[in-house]
Amino acid sequence: MKIKHLVKFILLISSSISYSQSTISPLEIPLNLSGTFGELRNTHFHTGIDIKTKGKQGLKVRSIKNGDLVRVRVNKGGYGKSLYIKHTDGTTSVYAHLKKFSKKIETYVKMIQYKKKSYEIQDFPEAGVISFNARELIGFSGNTGGSSGPHLHFEIRSSETNNPLNPIKFGLNIIDTIKPKVNGLYLYKVYKDGKYDFLKKIEIKKINDGSYVASTINYTGSLGIGLSYFDRQDQSYSKNGVYSLDFNLNNNPTFNYKMDELSFNDKRHLKLLIDLEKWNLEKNKIQKLFTHPKSKYSFISNSNSYGVFTILDNESSTGSIKIIDFKGNRTDIKLKFEGIIKDSLKNISNKNTINPDYEYNIDLDGISVKFLKNSFYNPINLNIKSNNDTLYLGENIHPLNKSFEINFLITNNDSVTLKKGFISKINKHGKPLFLKTRKVDSLWTVKVSELGKYSLSIDTIPPIIKPLNFKKNEWVSSLKFLKLKVKDDLSGIKSVEGSINGSWVLFEHEPKNSIITYNFSDLYFPNGKHILKIKVEDLNGNESQYESVFFKKY
């Protein structure tokens, strides 16, 4: 081999990502998971692992390798306080929902927050500005952002593509000897355009730990399988996703995937991989072992069948499903099909059918709905109706390919209604959820991506501001923080602005517990009297102001 070719080969090998290398744990406790890589969540495929922190916050989080901080973000939702560290092996590690950062990051972040006068910030430091050694402290675990409980969300991504990679494949030590469990097996009739009808639940019998046999399936036609399952680890009771699924029919691969790598584009067609009706109406998460012809996933091997198979009259077939977790624990289901006509189903169509090949403008006495071409993946039967100021679009059981538009023609000329009214989505508890509404004269418009119930609502009540650990005209020399409760019952908090003696101060805002906090160590003020002012605005433009005097000796 020529020298220049050898050098190029060595560089290629050295720059590739190695899955076999052992990765330092980001936490100093045994790793128990509440979420695994690739799990189907409500809005996305889980792009990392969720590590339990014993229900606590404040555990030390350490960098898994040497690297440079390339992104830091503070957000009220999403990942909350998060760090992105780029390593020399072609990977970037991500640490999310942190309570706070290590001292050198915290100082850097506070500088940006005070410069921008904003709690929520995002910054991309140049390589080498903030560097870390392997095992160096980078922060403390928490519950910030969209977290539903204390834990560390941890990711490893390809630095080149930004694609999330399965962190378990990098040698993290997780004890798991438990085989995946099966809750239910289901049969669907599938049409050429990807539409499907639920046929029945298939009875299964457990033979031993990790082995099931299904009752004989007597149907003919184009069919698909659905599966409800979960996996657990030895030290965790959480119901997690699995690493790989394989469905074979007559020893031929029919549907399979392996959760090694994801693309953020995969979530676009998330709702086509589940039975949305069963999920939203019955809380039964059934994963389909067949895909829609218009869908595409980076982790699923595409084939001509898309997981759909055909059983002919008087034909016998056998099948198998293998469910495997990341530690190789395996569960098998044996299937048998007999081509006997059991039921006949027709693809129903009526005057309420919405065909994705066309655009629809539907008017209902002052309320209109506009579906663009290809808003849906398949023709659907949709019974749209209105009653006074409420629009009914049926249950949210049909996945959408595009958002659609709802318009309300406002005939109420009351100034308060015109200023403080908005279009809301009514949730399952009957509570209105604020939607940002575009108002052009008397026409109000929202763009949404879910079916359901929509109505006109009004919010004139400003947020509540209440001190928690101090009183007016009180000496607070012993306090390290000022804490106040801020709460809005309808539209939600948009912004918090605080000042002491006329200088802007940073109030950290944690929406889950409706608390804002100021750290006295941020700024130096002279001893004595201080004037605190806070302004809080909700998403509908209602404002509250709070003013207080306190005394402090630093």
Protein backbone atom coordinates (compact mmCIF):
# COMPACT_ATOMS: atom_id res chain seq x y z
CA MET A 1 0.00 0.00 0.00
CA LYS A 2 1.34 3.42 -0.89
CA ILE A 3 2.22 5.69 2.05
CA LYS A 4 -0.32 8.39 1.17
CA HIS A 5 -3.08 5.78 0.94
CA LEU A 6 -1.98 4.26 4.26
CA VAL A 7 -2.09 7.67 5.95
CA LYS A 8 -5.59 8.31 4.57
CA PHE A 9 -6.72 4.91 5.82
CA ILE A 10 -5.30 5.54 9.32
CA LEU A 11 -7.01 8.93 9.49
CA LEU A 12 -10.32 7.37 8.43
CA ILE A 13 -10.06 4.71 11.11
CA SER A 14 -9.07 7.20 13.82
CA SER A 15 -11.93 9.56 13.02
CA SER A 16 -14.64 6.88 13.02
CA ILE A 17 -16.80 6.32 16.09
CA SER A 18 -15.86 3.32 18.18
CA TYR A 19 -18.75 1.57 19.91
CA SER A 20 -16.54 -0.94 21.68
CA GLN A 21 -14.73 1.53 23.90
CA SER A 22 -15.76 1.84 27.52
CA THR A 23 -17.39 5.10 28.52
CA ILE A 24 -17.09 6.69 31.96
CA SER A 25 -20.43 6.94 33.71
CA PRO A 26 -21.85 10.48 33.98
CA LEU A 27 -23.04 9.68 37.55
CA GLU A 28 -21.33 8.14 40.57
CA ILE A 29 -24.20 5.77 41.37
CA PRO A 30 -25.33 2.48 39.78
CA LEU A 31 -27.14 3.23 36.54
CA ASN A 32 -30.84 2.44 36.75
CA LEU A 33 -32.96 3.58 33.84
CA SER A 34 -36.40 5.14 33.60
CA GLY A 35 -36.09 5.56 29.83
CA THR A 36 -34.21 3.74 27.08
CA PHE A 37 -32.93 4.79 23.68
CA GLY A 38 -35.54 4.84 20.91
CA GLU A 39 -38.63 4.55 23.12
CA LEU A 40 -41.84 5.84 21.54
CA ARG A 41 -42.86 8.97 23.44
CA ASN A 42 -45.90 11.18 22.81
CA THR A 43 -44.09 13.54 20.45
CA HIS A 44 -40.76 11.89 19.62
CA PHE A 45 -38.52 8.87 19.74
CA HIS A 46 -36.40 9.05 22.89
CA THR A 47 -32.94 10.15 21.79
CA GLY A 48 -31.00 9.13 24.90
CA ILE A 49 -31.33 7.28 28.18
CA ASP A 50 -32.97 8.58 31.35
CA ILE A 51 -30.92 7.71 34.42
CA LYS A 52 -32.68 7.63 37.79
CA THR A 53 -31.21 9.78 40.55
CA LYS A 54 -32.94 8.09 43.51
CA GLY A 55 -35.70 10.70 43.43
CA LYS A 56 -33.18 13.39 44.39
CA GLN A 57 -31.62 16.45 42.80
CA GLY A 58 -28.05 17.62 43.18
CA LEU A 59 -26.06 14.47 42.30
CA LYS A 60 -22.68 15.20 40.75
CA VAL A 61 -22.62 14.91 36.95
CA ARG A 62 -19.24 14.35 35.29
CA SER A 63 -17.94 14.55 31.75
CA ILE A 64 -17.62 11.07 30.26
CA LYS A 65 -14.45 11.97 28.30
CA ASN A 66 -12.08 14.84 27.60
CA GLY A 67 -13.81 17.48 25.51
CA ASP A 68 -14.87 21.05 24.80
CA LEU A 69 -18.15 22.71 25.71
CA VAL A 70 -19.79 23.51 22.36
CA ARG A 71 -23.33 24.38 23.48
CA VAL A 72 -25.03 25.40 26.69
CA ARG A 73 -28.72 26.16 27.05
CA VAL A 74 -31.12 27.31 29.75
CA ASN A 75 -34.76 26.78 28.88
CA LYS A 76 -37.99 26.75 30.91
CA GLY A 77 -39.18 23.77 28.87
CA GLY A 78 -37.48 21.05 26.84
CA TYR A 79 -34.09 20.01 28.24
CA GLY A 80 -34.09 22.72 30.91
CA LYS A 81 -30.45 23.36 31.81
CA SER A 82 -28.33 21.35 29.38
CA LEU A 83 -24.72 20.92 28.25
CA TYR A 84 -23.18 19.62 25.02
CA ILE A 85 -19.53 18.48 25.13
CA LYS A 86 -17.66 17.58 21.94
CA HIS A 87 -15.01 14.84 22.14
CA THR A 88 -12.09 13.95 19.89
CA ASP A 89 -13.55 10.53 18.96
CA GLY A 90 -16.28 12.06 16.80
CA THR A 91 -19.01 12.09 19.45
CA THR A 92 -20.79 14.77 21.46
CA SER A 93 -22.27 13.99 24.88
CA VAL A 94 -25.43 15.73 26.12
CA TYR A 95 -26.53 16.21 29.74
CA ALA A 96 -30.05 17.57 30.34
CA HIS A 97 -32.49 18.63 33.10
CA LEU A 98 -29.59 19.77 35.31
CA LYS A 99 -30.28 21.64 38.54
CA LYS A 100 -27.20 23.82 38.04
CA PHE A 101 -23.85 23.84 36.28
CA SER A 102 -20.36 23.52 37.72
CA LYS A 103 -18.77 26.76 38.91
CA LYS A 104 -16.87 27.66 35.74
CA ILE A 105 -19.91 27.01 33.53
CA GLU A 106 -22.26 28.75 35.96
CA THR A 107 -20.05 31.87 35.88
CA TYR A 108 -20.00 31.82 32.08
CA VAL A 109 -23.78 31.34 31.83
CA LYS A 110 -24.58 34.04 34.39
CA MET A 111 -22.43 36.48 32.40
CA ILE A 112 -24.51 35.79 29.28
CA GLN A 113 -27.81 35.95 31.18
CA TYR A 114 -27.01 39.35 32.68
CA LYS A 115 -25.71 40.61 29.34
CA LYS A 116 -28.91 39.57 27.56
CA LYS A 117 -31.12 40.28 30.60
CA SER A 118 -32.80 36.93 30.13
CA TYR A 119 -33.08 33.69 32.12
CA GLU A 120 -33.46 31.65 28.95
CA ILE A 121 -30.27 31.66 26.88
CA GLN A 122 -28.39 29.54 24.38
CA ASP A 123 -24.72 29.90 23.57
CA PHE A 124 -22.17 28.10 21.40
CA PRO A 125 -18.67 28.61 22.85
CA GLU A 126 -15.73 28.24 20.50
CA ALA A 127 -13.62 25.13 20.91
CA GLY A 128 -11.16 25.49 23.77
CA VAL A 129 -12.96 28.31 25.60
CA ILE A 130 -14.28 25.87 28.20
CA SER A 131 -12.65 22.43 28.25
CA PHE A 132 -13.09 19.40 30.49
CA ASN A 133 -11.10 16.37 31.47
CA ALA A 134 -12.73 12.97 31.75
CA ARG A 135 -14.53 12.63 35.12
CA GLU A 136 -14.44 16.41 35.68
CA LEU A 137 -17.50 17.86 37.44
CA ILE A 138 -19.76 19.66 34.95
CA GLY A 139 -23.01 20.07 36.87
CA PHE A 140 -25.60 18.63 39.21
CA SER A 141 -28.62 16.51 38.34
CA GLY A 142 -32.02 18.11 38.54
CA ASN A 143 -35.57 18.35 37.27
CA THR A 144 -35.53 21.45 35.06
CA GLY A 145 -37.38 21.88 31.77
CA GLY A 146 -39.88 19.32 30.52
CA SER A 147 -38.81 16.67 33.02
CA SER A 148 -41.57 14.86 34.94
CA GLY A 149 -39.30 13.97 37.84
CA PRO A 150 -35.64 14.16 38.97
CA HIS A 151 -33.34 12.30 36.57
CA LEU A 152 -30.44 12.80 34.18
CA HIS A 153 -31.23 12.67 30.47
CA PHE A 154 -28.00 11.55 28.81
CA GLU A 155 -27.19 11.34 25.09
CA ILE A 156 -24.31 10.55 22.81
CA ARG A 157 -24.50 12.04 19.31
CA SER A 158 -22.41 11.87 16.18
CA SER A 159 -20.59 15.21 16.03
CA GLU A 160 -20.68 15.09 12.24
CA THR A 161 -24.37 14.30 11.61
CA ASN A 162 -25.86 15.26 15.01
CA ASN A 163 -27.67 11.90 14.94
CA PRO A 164 -28.30 10.43 18.41
CA LEU A 165 -26.46 7.14 19.05
CA ASN A 166 -27.44 4.47 21.54
CA PRO A 167 -25.38 5.30 24.69
CA ILE A 168 -25.55 1.71 25.93
CA LYS A 169 -23.36 0.61 23.03
CA PHE A 170 -20.48 2.66 24.46
CA GLY A 171 -19.94 0.33 27.40
CA LEU A 172 -22.05 1.86 30.17
CA ASN A 173 -22.55 -0.66 32.96
CA ILE A 174 -26.25 -1.42 33.38
CA ILE A 175 -27.37 -4.63 35.06
CA ASP A 176 -30.19 -6.30 33.16
CA THR A 177 -31.07 -9.99 33.23
CA ILE A 178 -34.83 -9.54 32.69
CA LYS A 179 -36.49 -10.52 29.43
CA PRO A 180 -39.00 -8.19 27.72
CA LYS A 181 -42.66 -8.73 28.59
CA VAL A 182 -45.61 -8.91 26.18
CA ASN A 183 -48.92 -7.27 27.10
CA GLY A 184 -50.84 -8.00 23.93
CA LEU A 185 -50.72 -9.09 20.29
CA TYR A 186 -53.10 -7.55 17.74
CA LEU A 187 -54.23 -8.13 14.16
CA TYR A 188 -54.99 -5.45 11.54
CA LYS A 189 -56.39 -5.43 8.03
CA VAL A 190 -54.14 -3.17 5.92
CA TYR A 191 -55.03 -1.48 2.62
CA LYS A 192 -52.73 -0.53 -0.24
CA ASP A 193 -52.80 3.17 0.67
CA GLY A 194 -51.63 2.43 4.23
CA LYS A 195 -55.03 2.75 5.88
CA TYR A 196 -55.77 0.02 8.38
CA ASP A 197 -58.66 -1.42 10.40
CA PHE A 198 -58.32 -3.06 13.80
CA LEU A 199 -59.48 -6.68 13.62
CA LYS A 200 -58.93 -8.26 17.01
CA LYS A 201 -56.65 -9.02 19.91
CA ILE A 202 -54.87 -12.33 19.45
CA GLU A 203 -54.81 -14.67 22.40
CA ILE A 204 -51.28 -15.63 23.50
CA LYS A 205 -50.11 -18.25 25.96
CA LYS A 206 -46.92 -18.02 27.97
CA ILE A 207 -44.89 -21.23 27.63
CA ASN A 208 -42.00 -20.18 29.84
CA ASP A 209 -40.09 -17.05 30.75
CA GLY A 210 -39.46 -15.41 27.41
CA SER A 211 -41.55 -17.69 25.19
CA TYR A 212 -45.15 -17.26 24.00
CA VAL A 213 -47.33 -19.02 21.48
CA ALA A 214 -50.28 -17.30 19.81
CA SER A 215 -53.59 -18.93 19.02
CA THR A 216 -54.09 -19.78 15.35
CA ILE A 217 -55.01 -16.69 13.34
CA ASN A 218 -57.82 -17.48 10.87
CA TYR A 219 -57.92 -14.63 8.32
CA THR A 220 -57.19 -13.93 4.68
CA GLY A 221 -56.00 -10.81 2.90
CA SER A 222 -53.38 -8.14 3.55
CA LEU A 223 -52.63 -8.10 7.26
CA GLY A 224 -50.37 -6.45 9.82
CA ILE A 225 -49.36 -7.20 13.39
CA GLY A 226 -49.43 -4.87 16.40
CA LEU A 227 -47.57 -5.42 19.65
CA SER A 228 -47.86 -4.04 23.18
CA TYR A 229 -44.74 -4.76 25.24
CA PHE A 230 -42.22 -3.37 27.71
CA ASP A 231 -38.79 -4.09 29.14
CA ARG A 232 -37.30 -3.65 32.61
CA GLN A 233 -33.85 -3.72 34.18
CA ASP A 234 -32.93 -5.53 37.40
CA GLN A 235 -32.96 -2.46 39.64
CA SER A 236 -35.79 -0.55 37.96
CA TYR A 237 -39.56 -0.90 37.84
CA SER A 238 -39.92 1.49 34.90
CA LYS A 239 -41.48 0.12 31.72
CA ASN A 240 -38.99 0.81 28.95
CA GLY A 241 -38.57 0.23 25.23
CA VAL A 242 -36.48 -2.52 23.65
CA TYR A 243 -33.38 -2.60 21.48
CA SER A 244 -34.59 -4.62 18.50
CA LEU A 245 -37.70 -6.22 17.01
CA ASP A 246 -37.79 -8.89 14.29
CA PHE A 247 -40.95 -10.27 12.66
CA ASN A 248 -40.47 -13.15 10.24
CA LEU A 249 -43.11 -14.93 8.17
CA ASN A 250 -42.27 -18.37 6.78
CA ASN A 251 -38.63 -17.64 7.73
CA ASN A 252 -38.62 -14.49 5.57
CA PRO A 253 -37.80 -11.11 7.17
CA THR A 254 -41.02 -9.07 7.17
CA PHE A 255 -40.39 -6.22 9.63
CA ASN A 256 -37.33 -5.43 11.73
CA TYR A 257 -35.50 -2.61 13.42
CA LYS A 258 -32.51 -2.07 15.67
CA MET A 259 -32.05 0.98 17.87
CA ASP A 260 -28.40 1.84 17.20
CA GLU A 261 -28.88 5.32 15.74
CA LEU A 262 -31.74 7.77 15.24
CA SER A 263 -32.38 10.85 13.15
CA PHE A 264 -34.33 13.82 14.48
CA ASN A 265 -36.40 13.54 11.29
CA ASP A 266 -37.80 10.20 12.51
CA LYS A 267 -40.34 11.94 14.76
CA ARG A 268 -42.13 13.38 11.72
CA HIS A 269 -43.87 10.04 11.18
CA LEU A 270 -43.96 8.88 14.82
CA LYS A 271 -47.75 8.64 14.98
CA LEU A 272 -47.84 6.35 11.95
CA LEU A 273 -45.95 3.68 13.88
CA ILE A 274 -48.58 3.36 16.62
CA ASP A 275 -52.31 2.75 16.76
CA LEU A 276 -53.20 6.36 17.55
CA GLU A 277 -56.84 5.57 18.30
CA LYS A 278 -55.98 2.93 20.90
CA TRP A 279 -53.31 5.17 22.41
CA ASN A 280 -55.43 8.29 22.79
CA LEU A 281 -58.74 6.66 23.68
CA GLU A 282 -57.66 3.59 25.66
CA LYS A 283 -54.10 4.52 26.75
CA ASN A 284 -52.92 1.32 25.12
CA LYS A 285 -49.62 1.87 23.31
CA ILE A 286 -49.66 -0.61 20.46
CA GLN A 287 -46.65 -0.47 18.19
CA LYS A 288 -47.40 -1.54 14.65
CA LEU A 289 -45.02 -4.02 13.05
CA PHE A 290 -45.85 -2.50 9.67
CA THR A 291 -45.24 0.97 8.28
CA HIS A 292 -47.15 3.42 6.13
CA PRO A 293 -45.94 3.70 2.50
CA LYS A 294 -45.52 7.47 2.97
CA SER A 295 -43.40 7.10 6.10
CA LYS A 296 -39.65 6.75 6.45
CA TYR A 297 -37.54 5.90 9.49
CA SER A 298 -33.77 5.78 9.75
CA PHE A 299 -33.82 2.72 12.02
CA ILE A 300 -36.22 0.50 10.05
CA SER A 301 -35.09 -1.62 7.14
CA ASN A 302 -37.30 -0.68 4.19
CA SER A 303 -38.77 -3.47 2.12
CA ASN A 304 -41.47 -3.86 -0.49
CA SER A 305 -43.88 -5.22 2.11
CA TYR A 306 -43.41 -2.50 4.79
CA GLY A 307 -44.30 -5.28 7.27
CA VAL A 308 -47.62 -5.99 5.55
CA PHE A 309 -48.15 -9.62 4.56
CA THR A 310 -50.81 -11.52 2.63
CA ILE A 311 -52.53 -14.74 3.68
CA LEU A 312 -54.40 -16.49 0.88
CA ASP A 313 -57.47 -18.69 1.17
CA ASN A 314 -56.61 -22.26 2.27
CA GLU A 315 -52.98 -21.21 2.88
CA SER A 316 -51.07 -22.04 6.06
CA SER A 317 -48.17 -19.90 7.28
CA THR A 318 -45.98 -19.69 10.35
CA GLY A 319 -44.29 -16.68 11.84
CA SER A 320 -42.14 -15.54 14.72
CA ILE A 321 -41.46 -12.32 16.61
CA LYS A 322 -38.17 -11.77 18.45
CA ILE A 323 -38.01 -8.97 21.03
CA ILE A 324 -34.51 -8.25 22.33
CA ASP A 325 -33.24 -5.69 24.85
CA PHE A 326 -29.79 -4.06 24.78
CA LYS A 327 -28.32 -6.77 27.04
CA GLY A 328 -29.45 -9.56 24.71
CA ASN A 329 -32.36 -10.77 26.85
CA ARG A 330 -34.84 -12.22 24.36
CA THR A 331 -38.56 -12.95 24.18
CA ASP A 332 -40.10 -15.03 21.37
CA ILE A 333 -43.66 -15.30 20.06
CA LYS A 334 -44.65 -18.12 17.74
CA LEU A 335 -47.43 -17.44 15.21
CA LYS A 336 -49.59 -19.61 12.96
CA PHE A 337 -51.91 -18.37 10.22
CA GLU A 338 -54.68 -20.26 8.43
CA GLY A 339 -56.25 -18.75 5.31
CA ILE A 340 -59.88 -18.99 6.37
CA ILE A 341 -62.26 -16.11 5.63
CA LYS A 342 -63.36 -14.98 9.09
CA ASP A 343 -64.75 -11.49 8.59
CA SER A 344 -65.24 -9.16 5.69
CA LEU A 345 -64.40 -5.50 6.13
CA LYS A 346 -65.06 -2.76 3.64
CA ASN A 347 -63.21 0.51 3.36
CA ILE A 348 -66.14 2.74 4.32
CA SER A 349 -66.63 6.04 2.56
CA ASN A 350 -69.39 8.62 2.97
CA LYS A 351 -70.07 12.29 2.48
CA ASN A 352 -67.87 13.15 5.48
CA THR A 353 -64.76 11.61 3.94
CA ILE A 354 -61.70 13.87 3.76
CA ASN A 355 -59.51 12.79 0.85
CA PRO A 356 -55.84 13.82 1.15
CA ASP A 357 -55.68 14.36 -2.62
CA TYR A 358 -57.82 17.49 -2.31
CA GLU A 359 -57.96 20.78 -0.41
CA TYR A 360 -60.97 21.47 1.80
CA ASN A 361 -62.52 24.69 3.08
CA ILE A 362 -65.36 23.83 5.44
CA ASP A 363 -67.66 26.62 6.71
CA LEU A 364 -69.84 26.16 9.79
CA ASP A 365 -71.75 29.32 10.72
CA GLY A 366 -68.90 31.70 11.52
CA ILE A 367 -66.27 28.98 12.01
CA SER A 368 -64.21 27.57 9.16
CA VAL A 369 -61.62 24.80 8.84
CA LYS A 370 -59.04 24.63 6.04
CA PHE A 371 -57.25 21.37 5.23
CA LEU A 372 -54.50 21.66 2.64
CA LYS A 373 -53.78 18.89 0.16
CA ASN A 374 -52.04 15.96 1.90
CA SER A 375 -53.00 17.16 5.37
CA PHE A 376 -53.83 13.52 6.15
CA TYR A 377 -52.04 10.37 5.07
CA ASN A 378 -55.22 8.53 4.07
CA PRO A 379 -58.91 9.24 3.44
CA ILE A 380 -60.69 9.60 6.78
CA ASN A 381 -64.30 9.93 7.85
CA LEU A 382 -64.58 13.15 9.82
CA ASN A 383 -67.81 14.43 11.35
CA ILE A 384 -67.18 18.17 11.77
CA LYS A 385 -69.74 20.24 13.66
CA SER A 386 -70.02 23.45 15.67
CA ASN A 387 -72.15 24.74 18.53
CA ASN A 388 -72.05 28.46 19.34
CA ASP A 389 -68.36 29.25 19.92
CA THR A 390 -67.09 25.66 19.91
CA LEU A 391 -65.77 23.56 17.02
CA TYR A 392 -65.86 19.76 17.18
CA LEU A 393 -63.41 17.83 14.96
CA GLY A 394 -63.86 14.40 16.51
CA GLU A 395 -61.36 12.47 18.58
CA ASN A 396 -57.63 12.92 17.98
CA ILE A 397 -57.18 9.48 16.42
CA HIS A 398 -55.95 10.36 12.92
CA PRO A 399 -52.27 11.32 12.41
CA LEU A 400 -51.71 14.47 10.38
CA ASN A 401 -49.06 15.07 7.76
CA LYS A 402 -49.55 18.85 7.82
CA SER A 403 -51.00 21.39 10.21
CA PHE A 404 -54.40 22.87 9.36
CA GLU A 405 -56.10 26.21 9.87
CA ILE A 406 -59.10 27.13 12.05
CA ASN A 407 -60.84 30.50 11.64
CA PHE A 408 -63.40 32.14 13.90
CA LEU A 409 -65.39 35.14 12.67
CA ILE A 410 -65.85 37.36 15.74
CA THR A 411 -69.18 39.17 16.00
CA ASN A 412 -68.78 40.33 19.60
CA ASN A 413 -67.55 43.93 19.50
CA ASP A 414 -66.87 44.15 23.23
CA SER A 415 -63.42 45.73 23.63
CA VAL A 416 -62.33 43.34 26.41
CA THR A 417 -63.26 40.29 24.34
CA LEU A 418 -61.46 41.63 21.29
CA LYS A 419 -58.31 42.35 23.30
CA LYS A 420 -58.21 39.42 25.72
CA GLY A 421 -59.99 36.69 23.77
CA PHE A 422 -58.22 33.83 21.97
CA ILE A 423 -58.86 30.46 20.38
CA SER A 424 -58.19 27.57 22.76
CA LYS A 425 -57.92 23.80 22.55
CA ILE A 426 -60.15 22.04 25.07
CA ASN A 427 -58.29 19.20 26.76
CA LYS A 428 -59.76 15.93 28.02
CA HIS A 429 -60.54 17.55 31.38
CA GLY A 430 -62.53 20.33 29.73
CA LYS A 431 -59.87 22.95 30.43
CA PRO A 432 -59.02 25.50 27.71
CA LEU A 433 -55.37 25.53 26.59
CA PHE A 434 -54.03 28.82 25.28
CA LEU A 435 -53.19 29.00 21.57
CA LYS A 436 -51.38 31.91 19.99
CA THR A 437 -54.11 33.52 17.90
CA ARG A 438 -53.61 35.76 14.89
CA LYS A 439 -56.22 38.54 14.80
CA VAL A 440 -56.94 40.46 11.61
CA ASP A 441 -59.98 42.67 12.15
CA SER A 442 -62.82 40.30 13.08
CA LEU A 443 -61.09 37.14 11.80
CA TRP A 444 -59.16 35.08 14.35
CA THR A 445 -56.90 32.27 13.14
CA VAL A 446 -54.81 29.44 14.61
CA LYS A 447 -52.75 26.71 12.99
CA VAL A 448 -52.91 23.35 14.75
CA SER A 449 -51.82 19.76 14.13
CA GLU A 450 -54.31 17.75 16.18
CA LEU A 451 -58.01 17.01 15.88
CA GLY A 452 -60.24 17.55 18.89
CA LYS A 453 -62.33 20.35 20.36
CA TYR A 454 -61.56 24.07 19.88
CA SER A 455 -63.35 27.04 21.36
CA LEU A 456 -63.21 30.77 22.06
CA SER A 457 -61.86 31.68 25.49
CA ILE A 458 -60.95 34.84 27.36
CA ASP A 459 -58.26 35.55 29.94
CA THR A 460 -58.33 38.86 31.81
CA ILE A 461 -56.79 37.69 35.10
CA PRO A 462 -53.15 38.71 35.66
CA PRO A 463 -50.58 36.35 37.23
CA ILE A 464 -50.17 36.00 40.98
CA ILE A 465 -46.92 37.18 42.63
CA LYS A 466 -46.38 36.17 46.25
CA PRO A 467 -43.19 36.24 48.38
CA LEU A 468 -42.35 32.90 50.00
CA ASN A 469 -39.33 33.40 52.27
CA PHE A 470 -39.47 37.10 53.19
CA LYS A 471 -41.85 39.90 54.13
CA LYS A 472 -41.91 43.60 53.33
CA ASN A 473 -39.57 45.84 55.34
CA GLU A 474 -37.79 42.78 56.75
CA TRP A 475 -34.07 42.19 57.32
CA VAL A 476 -32.99 39.21 55.19
CA SER A 477 -29.26 39.12 55.95
CA SER A 478 -29.32 35.37 56.61
CA LEU A 479 -30.96 34.51 53.30
CA LYS A 480 -28.99 33.29 50.28
CA PHE A 481 -32.00 33.50 47.96
CA LEU A 482 -35.19 35.44 47.44
CA LYS A 483 -38.07 33.14 46.52
CA LEU A 484 -41.47 34.12 45.19
CA LYS A 485 -44.43 32.25 43.80
CA VAL A 486 -45.61 33.27 40.33
CA LYS A 487 -48.63 31.54 38.89
CA ASP A 488 -51.09 31.99 36.06
CA ASP A 489 -54.18 29.80 35.91
CA LEU A 490 -54.92 29.93 32.18
CA SER A 491 -52.57 31.13 29.45
CA GLY A 492 -49.32 30.60 31.39
CA ILE A 493 -46.30 32.77 32.26
CA LYS A 494 -44.55 34.48 29.36
CA SER A 495 -41.89 36.58 31.10
CA VAL A 496 -40.48 37.62 34.47
CA GLU A 497 -38.57 40.88 34.90
CA GLY A 498 -36.94 41.77 38.21
CA SER A 499 -34.79 44.62 39.53
CA ILE A 500 -33.14 45.64 42.78
CA ASN A 501 -32.46 49.34 43.27
CA GLY A 502 -33.11 49.85 39.56
CA SER A 503 -30.58 47.21 38.39
CA TRP A 504 -31.83 44.17 36.45
CA VAL A 505 -31.43 40.94 38.40
CA LEU A 506 -31.78 37.34 37.28
CA PHE A 507 -34.76 35.40 38.58
CA GLU A 508 -34.55 31.71 37.75
CA HIS A 509 -37.99 30.45 36.79
CA GLU A 510 -39.12 26.88 37.39
CA PRO A 511 -42.66 26.61 35.94
CA LYS A 512 -43.33 23.14 37.42
CA ASN A 513 -43.35 24.48 40.98
CA SER A 514 -44.36 28.07 40.04
CA ILE A 515 -41.31 29.54 41.81
CA ILE A 516 -38.84 32.25 40.83
CA THR A 517 -35.51 32.56 42.67
CA TYR A 518 -32.87 35.29 42.92
CA ASN A 519 -29.39 34.36 44.17
CA PHE A 520 -27.87 37.11 46.33
CA SER A 521 -24.37 36.09 45.25
CA ASP A 522 -25.06 37.28 41.68
CA LEU A 523 -24.52 41.00 42.35
CA TYR A 524 -23.11 43.18 45.10
CA PHE A 525 -25.30 45.88 46.65
CA PRO A 526 -24.42 48.19 49.57
CA ASN A 527 -25.69 47.22 52.99
CA GLY A 528 -29.04 48.60 54.05
CA LYS A 529 -32.32 49.33 52.31
CA HIS A 530 -33.17 47.76 48.95
CA ILE A 531 -36.14 48.22 46.62
CA LEU A 532 -37.32 45.08 44.82
CA LYS A 533 -39.53 45.36 41.74
CA ILE A 534 -40.95 42.44 39.73
CA LYS A 535 -43.14 42.44 36.64
CA VAL A 536 -44.75 39.22 35.40
CA GLU A 537 -46.65 38.93 32.12
CA ASP A 538 -48.74 35.99 30.94
CA LEU A 539 -49.04 34.76 27.35
CA ASN A 540 -52.24 36.73 26.84
CA GLY A 541 -50.68 40.07 27.79
CA ASN A 542 -52.00 40.35 31.35
CA GLU A 543 -49.43 41.91 33.70
CA SER A 544 -48.83 41.95 37.43
CA GLN A 545 -46.34 44.10 39.31
CA TYR A 546 -44.90 43.57 42.75
CA GLU A 547 -42.83 46.03 44.78
CA SER A 548 -41.26 45.53 48.17
CA VAL A 549 -38.58 46.92 50.45
CA PHE A 550 -36.12 44.66 52.25
CA PHE A 551 -32.97 45.25 54.29
CA LYS A 552 -29.79 43.24 54.01
CA LYS A 553 -26.26 43.24 55.29
CA TYR A 554 -23.89 41.48 52.89
